[in-house]
Amino acid sequence: MRKYENLDSLLRGSETAKIFFASLPDYVQGAVMKSSSSIRTEDELHSTAEKVMHEFQ
């Protein structure tokens, strides 16, 4: 799996990551963006989003 510099470069470089991120509720997107510098792969994006969603349940 390719590693990117951060969330922004991941979303620019991966169409599937962009589609997944766009499908998330706004509050999850916002929380994920706070961890932008530590998200470098699609797996990290998915796990971060999952953690955020569990925190809000």
Protein backbone atom coordinates (compact mmCIF):
# COMPACT_ATOMS: atom_id res chain seq x y z
CA MET A 1 0.00 0.00 0.00
CA ARG A 2 1.33 3.40 -0.96
CA LYS A 3 2.23 5.88 1.78
CA TYR A 4 1.49 9.53 1.27
CA GLU A 5 2.84 12.59 3.05
CA ASN A 6 -0.45 13.39 4.83
CA LEU A 7 -4.23 13.26 4.42
CA ASP A 8 -4.29 16.00 1.78
CA SER A 9 -1.80 14.21 -0.47
CA LEU A 10 -3.63 10.90 0.11
CA LEU A 11 -6.92 12.45 -1.03
CA ARG A 12 -5.25 14.03 -4.07
CA GLY A 13 -3.49 10.80 -5.04
CA SER A 14 -6.12 8.15 -4.36
CA GLU A 15 -9.57 8.22 -5.91
CA THR A 16 -10.86 5.49 -3.59
CA ALA A 17 -9.68 7.41 -0.51
CA LYS A 18 -11.35 10.56 -1.85
CA ILE A 19 -14.65 8.72 -2.41
CA PHE A 20 -14.52 7.14 1.05
CA PHE A 21 -13.72 10.46 2.75
CA ALA A 22 -16.55 12.22 0.87
CA SER A 23 -18.99 9.54 2.06
CA LEU A 24 -18.27 10.27 5.73
CA PRO A 25 -20.56 12.52 7.78
CA ASP A 26 -19.29 16.08 8.21
CA TYR A 27 -18.44 15.61 11.89
CA VAL A 28 -16.28 12.58 11.06
CA GLN A 29 -14.54 14.44 8.25
CA GLY A 30 -13.76 17.28 10.63
CA ALA A 31 -12.34 14.98 13.30
CA VAL A 32 -10.31 13.06 10.71
CA MET A 33 -8.85 16.31 9.37
CA LYS A 34 -7.54 17.08 12.87
CA SER A 35 -5.31 14.02 12.49
CA SER A 36 -4.30 14.94 8.95
CA SER A 37 -0.55 14.81 9.48
CA SER A 38 -0.64 11.25 10.85
CA ILE A 39 -2.87 9.76 8.10
CA ARG A 40 -0.64 8.49 5.30
CA THR A 41 -2.44 5.41 3.96
CA GLU A 42 -5.99 4.36 3.13
CA ASP A 43 -5.89 1.89 6.03
CA GLU A 44 -5.02 4.71 8.43
CA LEU A 45 -7.85 6.81 6.99
CA HIS A 46 -10.35 3.98 7.48
CA SER A 47 -9.20 3.17 11.02
CA THR A 48 -9.20 6.83 12.08
CA ALA A 49 -12.72 7.33 10.70
CA GLU A 50 -13.90 4.17 12.45
CA LYS A 51 -12.45 5.32 15.79
CA VAL A 52 -14.17 8.70 15.44
CA MET A 53 -17.52 7.11 14.66
CA HIS A 54 -17.24 4.83 17.72
CA GLU A 55 -16.42 7.80 19.94
CA PHE A 56 -19.63 9.57 18.89
CA GLN A 57 -21.90 6.56 19.49
